[in-house]
Amino acid sequence: MREENVGKVVSEISMSLDGFITGPNVRVGNGMGDGGDRLHDWMFDKKTVTDVQIMEDIYSETGAVVMGKGMFDVGFEPWGDPPPFKMPVFVVTHEEKEALPMQGGTTYTFVTDGIEAALELGRAAAGERNVGIWGGADIIRQYLKAGLLDEMRLHLVPIFLGGGVRLFDGLDPAGIELRKMSSIETPGATHFRFEVVK
């Protein structure tokens, strides 16, 4: 059971109506895949006051981020220095690598001992704030399947991508139950919050 003064473990991701979190042909230099950048229009080009508040809440509630090596590889260059996180980031990988400090409060720490070790480091860094599991799909599925997620936040974007990486592809739903906490509609996305029932 979670202690009261410890934040939640919360996944956060944008998804198309046909279930994709990237377009096809994801690679370094095309990190969101073909057409996948449209998944983030609600944060940038099409943002409303409500969307801005949602983003501000995400960042103010989160004290550390966990991501997979694939997301780090395609995101590192476009994120730049300083990267947008402004908090510690723990990268789950099989490749041992020295921690990489960046400007603005982000240090990338590479964790080779699996998702539970990354979460433990994330919790220590986050203190009373949430640990964000921000992608990619495989890492979110691993945390969900392991029963380590407290909450899933899905930003459902009204587009079709037709291909790419599906968030729930290959997920065995046995033992997984979600309860909707809230939904907020804006022109660029419907923002869902789901409790992961333990």
C-alpha atoms as a PDB file:
ATOM      1  CA  MET A   1       0.000   0.000   0.000  1.00  0.00           C
ATOM      2  CA  ARG A   2       1.271   3.483  -0.902  1.00  0.00           C
ATOM      3  CA  GLU A   3       2.271   5.811   1.926  1.00  0.00           C
ATOM      4  CA  GLU A   4       0.233   9.011   2.115  1.00  0.00           C
ATOM      5  CA  ASN A   5       3.227  11.311   1.678  1.00  0.00           C
ATOM      6  CA  VAL A   6       4.461   9.527  -1.446  1.00  0.00           C
ATOM      7  CA  GLY A   7       3.267  10.547  -4.902  1.00  0.00           C
ATOM      8  CA  LYS A   8       1.556   8.325  -7.425  1.00  0.00           C
ATOM      9  CA  VAL A   9       3.031   6.425 -10.354  1.00  0.00           C
ATOM     10  CA  VAL A  10       1.294   7.965 -13.365  1.00  0.00           C
ATOM     11  CA  SER A  11       1.628   7.157 -17.057  1.00  0.00           C
ATOM     12  CA  GLU A  12       1.092  10.018 -19.463  1.00  0.00           C
ATOM     13  CA  ILE A  13       0.693   9.703 -23.235  1.00  0.00           C
ATOM     14  CA  SER A  14      -1.165  11.047 -26.269  1.00  0.00           C
ATOM     15  CA  MET A  15      -2.957   8.526 -28.500  1.00  0.00           C
ATOM     16  CA  SER A  16      -4.804   8.616 -31.815  1.00  0.00           C
ATOM     17  CA  LEU A  17      -8.365   7.360 -32.188  1.00  0.00           C
ATOM     18  CA  ASP A  18      -7.020   4.180 -33.789  1.00  0.00           C
ATOM     19  CA  GLY A  19      -4.788   3.500 -30.788  1.00  0.00           C
ATOM     20  CA  PHE A  20      -1.364   4.679 -31.951  1.00  0.00           C
ATOM     21  CA  ILE A  21       1.096   6.754 -29.901  1.00  0.00           C
ATOM     22  CA  THR A  22       3.381   7.314 -32.920  1.00  0.00           C
ATOM     23  CA  GLY A  23       2.973   7.240 -36.661  1.00  0.00           C
ATOM     24  CA  PRO A  24       4.773   4.658 -38.852  1.00  0.00           C
ATOM     25  CA  ASN A  25       8.553   4.674 -39.466  1.00  0.00           C
ATOM     26  CA  VAL A  26       9.764   5.782 -36.037  1.00  0.00           C
ATOM     27  CA  ARG A  27      13.527   6.310 -36.064  1.00  0.00           C
ATOM     28  CA  VAL A  28      16.136   8.828 -34.943  1.00  0.00           C
ATOM     29  CA  GLY A  29      15.268  12.012 -36.825  1.00  0.00           C
ATOM     30  CA  ASN A  30      11.606  10.969 -37.066  1.00  0.00           C
ATOM     31  CA  GLY A  31      10.896  10.284 -33.402  1.00  0.00           C
ATOM     32  CA  MET A  32       7.103  10.494 -33.588  1.00  0.00           C
ATOM     33  CA  GLY A  33       6.917   8.611 -36.903  1.00  0.00           C
ATOM     34  CA  ASP A  34       5.195   9.808 -40.061  1.00  0.00           C
ATOM     35  CA  GLY A  35       2.438  12.228 -39.049  1.00  0.00           C
ATOM     36  CA  GLY A  36       2.879  11.435 -35.359  1.00  0.00           C
ATOM     37  CA  ASP A  37       3.753  15.000 -34.389  1.00  0.00           C
ATOM     38  CA  ARG A  38       0.030  15.767 -34.736  1.00  0.00           C
ATOM     39  CA  LEU A  39      -0.476  13.851 -31.479  1.00  0.00           C
ATOM     40  CA  HIS A  40       1.097  16.794 -29.679  1.00  0.00           C
ATOM     41  CA  ASP A  41      -0.735  19.630 -31.457  1.00  0.00           C
ATOM     42  CA  TRP A  42      -2.936  20.043 -28.359  1.00  0.00           C
ATOM     43  CA  MET A  43       0.221  21.026 -26.439  1.00  0.00           C
ATOM     44  CA  PHE A  44       1.441  23.485 -29.035  1.00  0.00           C
ATOM     45  CA  ASP A  45      -0.376  24.673 -32.192  1.00  0.00           C
ATOM     46  CA  LYS A  46      -3.940  23.959 -31.070  1.00  0.00           C
ATOM     47  CA  LYS A  47      -3.593  24.536 -27.343  1.00  0.00           C
ATOM     48  CA  THR A  48      -6.364  26.197 -25.372  1.00  0.00           C
ATOM     49  CA  VAL A  49      -6.234  27.727 -21.891  1.00  0.00           C
ATOM     50  CA  THR A  50      -7.456  24.361 -20.575  1.00  0.00           C
ATOM     51  CA  ASP A  51      -4.719  22.448 -22.412  1.00  0.00           C
ATOM     52  CA  VAL A  52      -2.104  24.825 -20.998  1.00  0.00           C
ATOM     53  CA  GLN A  53      -3.460  24.239 -17.478  1.00  0.00           C
ATOM     54  CA  ILE A  54      -3.363  20.462 -17.985  1.00  0.00           C
ATOM     55  CA  MET A  55       0.302  20.672 -19.025  1.00  0.00           C
ATOM     56  CA  GLU A  56       1.133  22.932 -16.090  1.00  0.00           C
ATOM     57  CA  ASP A  57      -0.563  20.492 -13.704  1.00  0.00           C
ATOM     58  CA  ILE A  58       1.358  17.535 -15.170  1.00  0.00           C
ATOM     59  CA  TYR A  59       4.693  19.266 -14.627  1.00  0.00           C
ATOM     60  CA  SER A  60       3.874  20.665 -11.180  1.00  0.00           C
ATOM     61  CA  GLU A  61       2.674  17.260  -9.915  1.00  0.00           C
ATOM     62  CA  THR A  62       5.622  15.276 -11.318  1.00  0.00           C
ATOM     63  CA  GLY A  63       8.997  15.067  -9.591  1.00  0.00           C
ATOM     64  CA  ALA A  64      10.766  12.490 -11.777  1.00  0.00           C
ATOM     65  CA  VAL A  65      10.236  10.770 -15.120  1.00  0.00           C
ATOM     66  CA  VAL A  66      10.871   7.179 -16.224  1.00  0.00           C
ATOM     67  CA  MET A  67      11.175   6.314 -19.909  1.00  0.00           C
ATOM     68  CA  GLY A  68      12.435   3.526 -22.131  1.00  0.00           C
ATOM     69  CA  LYS A  69      15.686   3.574 -24.087  1.00  0.00           C
ATOM     70  CA  GLY A  70      13.841   3.712 -27.431  1.00  0.00           C
ATOM     71  CA  MET A  71      12.074   6.926 -26.434  1.00  0.00           C
ATOM     72  CA  PHE A  72      15.336   8.392 -25.182  1.00  0.00           C
ATOM     73  CA  ASP A  73      17.158   7.522 -28.415  1.00  0.00           C
ATOM     74  CA  VAL A  74      14.628   9.209 -30.715  1.00  0.00           C
ATOM     75  CA  GLY A  75      13.933  12.111 -28.356  1.00  0.00           C
ATOM     76  CA  PHE A  76      17.379  13.118 -27.146  1.00  0.00           C
ATOM     77  CA  GLU A  77      18.362  15.302 -30.100  1.00  0.00           C
ATOM     78  CA  PRO A  78      15.049  17.130 -30.634  1.00  0.00           C
ATOM     79  CA  TRP A  79      14.630  17.729 -26.879  1.00  0.00           C
ATOM     80  CA  GLY A  80      17.935  19.607 -26.911  1.00  0.00           C
ATOM     81  CA  ASP A  81      19.720  21.161 -23.956  1.00  0.00           C
ATOM     82  CA  PRO A  82      18.011  22.164 -21.770  1.00  0.00           C
ATOM     83  CA  PRO A  83      15.466  19.386 -22.339  1.00  0.00           C
ATOM     84  CA  PRO A  84      11.820  20.106 -21.505  1.00  0.00           C
ATOM     85  CA  PHE A  85      11.630  17.924 -18.383  1.00  0.00           C
ATOM     86  CA  LYS A  86      13.333  20.175 -15.770  1.00  0.00           C
ATOM     87  CA  MET A  87      13.518  17.163 -13.428  1.00  0.00           C
ATOM     88  CA  PRO A  88      15.465  13.877 -13.118  1.00  0.00           C
ATOM     89  CA  VAL A  89      14.836  11.328 -15.900  1.00  0.00           C
ATOM     90  CA  PHE A  90      15.515   7.604 -15.447  1.00  0.00           C
ATOM     91  CA  VAL A  91      16.031   5.623 -18.655  1.00  0.00           C
ATOM     92  CA  VAL A  92      15.370   1.865 -18.503  1.00  0.00           C
ATOM     93  CA  THR A  93      17.995   0.188 -20.660  1.00  0.00           C
ATOM     94  CA  HIS A  94      20.266  -2.851 -21.011  1.00  0.00           C
ATOM     95  CA  GLU A  95      23.205  -0.600 -21.876  1.00  0.00           C
ATOM     96  CA  GLU A  96      25.378   0.648 -19.005  1.00  0.00           C
ATOM     97  CA  LYS A  97      26.156   4.331 -19.380  1.00  0.00           C
ATOM     98  CA  GLU A  98      27.294   7.189 -17.159  1.00  0.00           C
ATOM     99  CA  ALA A  99      24.630   9.626 -15.956  1.00  0.00           C
ATOM    100  CA  LEU A 100      24.238  12.554 -18.346  1.00  0.00           C
ATOM    101  CA  PRO A 101      23.606  15.925 -16.661  1.00  0.00           C
ATOM    102  CA  MET A 102      21.870  18.560 -18.784  1.00  0.00           C
ATOM    103  CA  GLN A 103      20.933  22.183 -18.210  1.00  0.00           C
ATOM    104  CA  GLY A 104      17.713  23.167 -16.453  1.00  0.00           C
ATOM    105  CA  GLY A 105      17.547  20.472 -13.771  1.00  0.00           C
ATOM    106  CA  THR A 106      17.461  17.304 -15.887  1.00  0.00           C
ATOM    107  CA  THR A 107      19.971  14.500 -15.444  1.00  0.00           C
ATOM    108  CA  TYR A 108      19.476  11.365 -17.527  1.00  0.00           C
ATOM    109  CA  THR A 109      20.285   8.325 -15.364  1.00  0.00           C
ATOM    110  CA  PHE A 110      20.524   4.968 -17.154  1.00  0.00           C
ATOM    111  CA  VAL A 111      19.060   2.069 -15.158  1.00  0.00           C
ATOM    112  CA  THR A 112      20.001  -1.484 -16.133  1.00  0.00           C
ATOM    113  CA  ASP A 113      18.247  -3.326 -13.277  1.00  0.00           C
ATOM    114  CA  GLY A 114      14.709  -3.156 -14.690  1.00  0.00           C
ATOM    115  CA  ILE A 115      11.519  -1.202 -14.160  1.00  0.00           C
ATOM    116  CA  GLU A 116      11.275  -1.677 -10.391  1.00  0.00           C
ATOM    117  CA  ALA A 117      14.791  -0.320  -9.843  1.00  0.00           C
ATOM    118  CA  ALA A 118      14.006   2.669 -12.084  1.00  0.00           C
ATOM    119  CA  LEU A 119      10.812   3.309 -10.115  1.00  0.00           C
ATOM    120  CA  GLU A 120      12.660   3.142  -6.792  1.00  0.00           C
ATOM    121  CA  LEU A 121      15.146   5.757  -8.021  1.00  0.00           C
ATOM    122  CA  GLY A 122      12.291   7.837  -9.430  1.00  0.00           C
ATOM    123  CA  ARG A 123      10.435   7.771  -6.110  1.00  0.00           C
ATOM    124  CA  ALA A 124      13.545   8.811  -4.207  1.00  0.00           C
ATOM    125  CA  ALA A 125      14.066  11.732  -6.579  1.00  0.00           C
ATOM    126  CA  ALA A 126      10.379  12.761  -6.722  1.00  0.00           C
ATOM    127  CA  GLY A 127       9.799  12.878  -2.960  1.00  0.00           C
ATOM    128  CA  GLU A 128       6.107  13.623  -2.385  1.00  0.00           C
ATOM    129  CA  ARG A 129       5.419  14.294  -6.063  1.00  0.00           C
ATOM    130  CA  ASN A 130       4.424  11.792  -8.751  1.00  0.00           C
ATOM    131  CA  VAL A 131       6.731   9.617 -10.799  1.00  0.00           C
ATOM    132  CA  GLY A 132       5.739   9.975 -14.448  1.00  0.00           C
ATOM    133  CA  ILE A 133       5.981   6.959 -16.758  1.00  0.00           C
ATOM    134  CA  TRP A 134       6.074   8.915 -19.992  1.00  0.00           C
ATOM    135  CA  GLY A 135       6.810   6.283 -22.620  1.00  0.00           C
ATOM    136  CA  GLY A 136       7.196   4.633 -24.871  1.00  0.00           C
ATOM    137  CA  ALA A 137       4.425   2.093 -25.160  1.00  0.00           C
ATOM    138  CA  ASP A 138       6.469  -0.907 -24.059  1.00  0.00           C
ATOM    139  CA  ILE A 139       7.528   0.699 -20.761  1.00  0.00           C
ATOM    140  CA  ILE A 140       3.965   1.796 -19.976  1.00  0.00           C
ATOM    141  CA  ARG A 141       2.699  -1.747 -20.699  1.00  0.00           C
ATOM    142  CA  GLN A 142       5.400  -3.232 -18.446  1.00  0.00           C
ATOM    143  CA  TYR A 143       4.461  -0.987 -15.511  1.00  0.00           C
ATOM    144  CA  LEU A 144       0.741  -1.621 -16.076  1.00  0.00           C
ATOM    145  CA  LYS A 145       1.180  -5.387 -16.262  1.00  0.00           C
ATOM    146  CA  ALA A 146       3.409  -5.417 -13.167  1.00  0.00           C
ATOM    147  CA  GLY A 147       0.706  -3.623 -11.152  1.00  0.00           C
ATOM    148  CA  LEU A 148       3.008  -0.662 -10.507  1.00  0.00           C
ATOM    149  CA  LEU A 149       0.867   2.076 -12.088  1.00  0.00           C
ATOM    150  CA  ASP A 150      -1.571   4.010  -9.910  1.00  0.00           C
ATOM    151  CA  GLU A 151      -3.051   6.111 -12.693  1.00  0.00           C
ATOM    152  CA  MET A 152      -3.118   6.308 -16.496  1.00  0.00           C
ATOM    153  CA  ARG A 153      -3.638   9.619 -18.270  1.00  0.00           C
ATOM    154  CA  LEU A 154      -4.552   9.328 -21.930  1.00  0.00           C
ATOM    155  CA  HIS A 155      -4.839  12.339 -24.198  1.00  0.00           C
ATOM    156  CA  LEU A 156      -7.055  11.005 -26.994  1.00  0.00           C
ATOM    157  CA  VAL A 157      -6.444  13.034 -30.150  1.00  0.00           C
ATOM    158  CA  PRO A 158      -9.126  13.048 -32.894  1.00  0.00           C
ATOM    159  CA  ILE A 159      -6.886  11.818 -35.704  1.00  0.00           C
ATOM    160  CA  PHE A 160      -6.181   8.494 -37.408  1.00  0.00           C
ATOM    161  CA  LEU A 161      -2.569   7.471 -38.017  1.00  0.00           C
ATOM    162  CA  GLY A 162      -3.198   4.114 -39.685  1.00  0.00           C
ATOM    163  CA  GLY A 163       0.047   2.625 -38.401  1.00  0.00           C
ATOM    164  CA  GLY A 164       2.873   3.081 -35.946  1.00  0.00           C
ATOM    165  CA  VAL A 165       3.213   1.952 -32.345  1.00  0.00           C
ATOM    166  CA  ARG A 166       0.023   0.934 -30.545  1.00  0.00           C
ATOM    167  CA  LEU A 167      -0.111   1.623 -26.832  1.00  0.00           C
ATOM    168  CA  PHE A 168      -1.899  -1.593 -25.888  1.00  0.00           C
ATOM    169  CA  ASP A 169      -0.567  -3.911 -28.610  1.00  0.00           C
ATOM    170  CA  GLY A 170       0.008  -7.423 -27.287  1.00  0.00           C
ATOM    171  CA  LEU A 171      -1.144  -6.540 -23.767  1.00  0.00           C
ATOM    172  CA  ASP A 172      -2.694  -9.416 -21.848  1.00  0.00           C
ATOM    173  CA  PRO A 173      -5.682  -7.765 -20.123  1.00  0.00           C
ATOM    174  CA  ALA A 174      -5.985 -10.439 -17.430  1.00  0.00           C
ATOM    175  CA  GLY A 175      -6.062  -8.817 -14.012  1.00  0.00           C
ATOM    176  CA  ILE A 176      -6.043  -5.247 -15.341  1.00  0.00           C
ATOM    177  CA  GLU A 177      -8.974  -3.007 -14.438  1.00  0.00           C
ATOM    178  CA  LEU A 178      -9.283   0.733 -14.984  1.00  0.00           C
ATOM    179  CA  ARG A 179     -11.775   3.139 -13.416  1.00  0.00           C
ATOM    180  CA  LYS A 180     -12.397   6.481 -15.103  1.00  0.00           C
ATOM    181  CA  MET A 181     -11.656   9.383 -12.769  1.00  0.00           C
ATOM    182  CA  SER A 182     -12.309  12.293 -15.138  1.00  0.00           C
ATOM    183  CA  SER A 183     -12.420  13.461 -18.731  1.00  0.00           C
ATOM    184  CA  ILE A 184     -11.907  16.980 -20.057  1.00  0.00           C
ATOM    185  CA  GLU A 185     -12.696  17.844 -23.653  1.00  0.00           C
ATOM    186  CA  THR A 186     -10.781  20.441 -25.640  1.00  0.00           C
ATOM    187  CA  PRO A 187     -10.742  20.856 -29.441  1.00  0.00           C
ATOM    188  CA  GLY A 188      -7.343  19.150 -29.716  1.00  0.00           C
ATOM    189  CA  ALA A 189      -7.866  16.186 -27.369  1.00  0.00           C
ATOM    190  CA  THR A 190     -10.050  14.518 -24.785  1.00  0.00           C
ATOM    191  CA  HIS A 191      -7.989  14.196 -21.619  1.00  0.00           C
ATOM    192  CA  PHE A 192      -8.835  11.041 -19.683  1.00  0.00           C
ATOM    193  CA  ARG A 193      -7.646  10.066 -16.227  1.00  0.00           C
ATOM    194  CA  PHE A 194      -8.029   6.428 -15.178  1.00  0.00           C
ATOM    195  CA  GLU A 195      -7.298   4.880 -11.806  1.00  0.00           C
ATOM    196  CA  VAL A 196      -5.611   1.499 -12.076  1.00  0.00           C
ATOM    197  CA  VAL A 197      -7.689  -0.629  -9.718  1.00  0.00           C
ATOM    198  CA  LYS A 198      -5.443  -2.644  -7.377  1.00  0.00           C
END
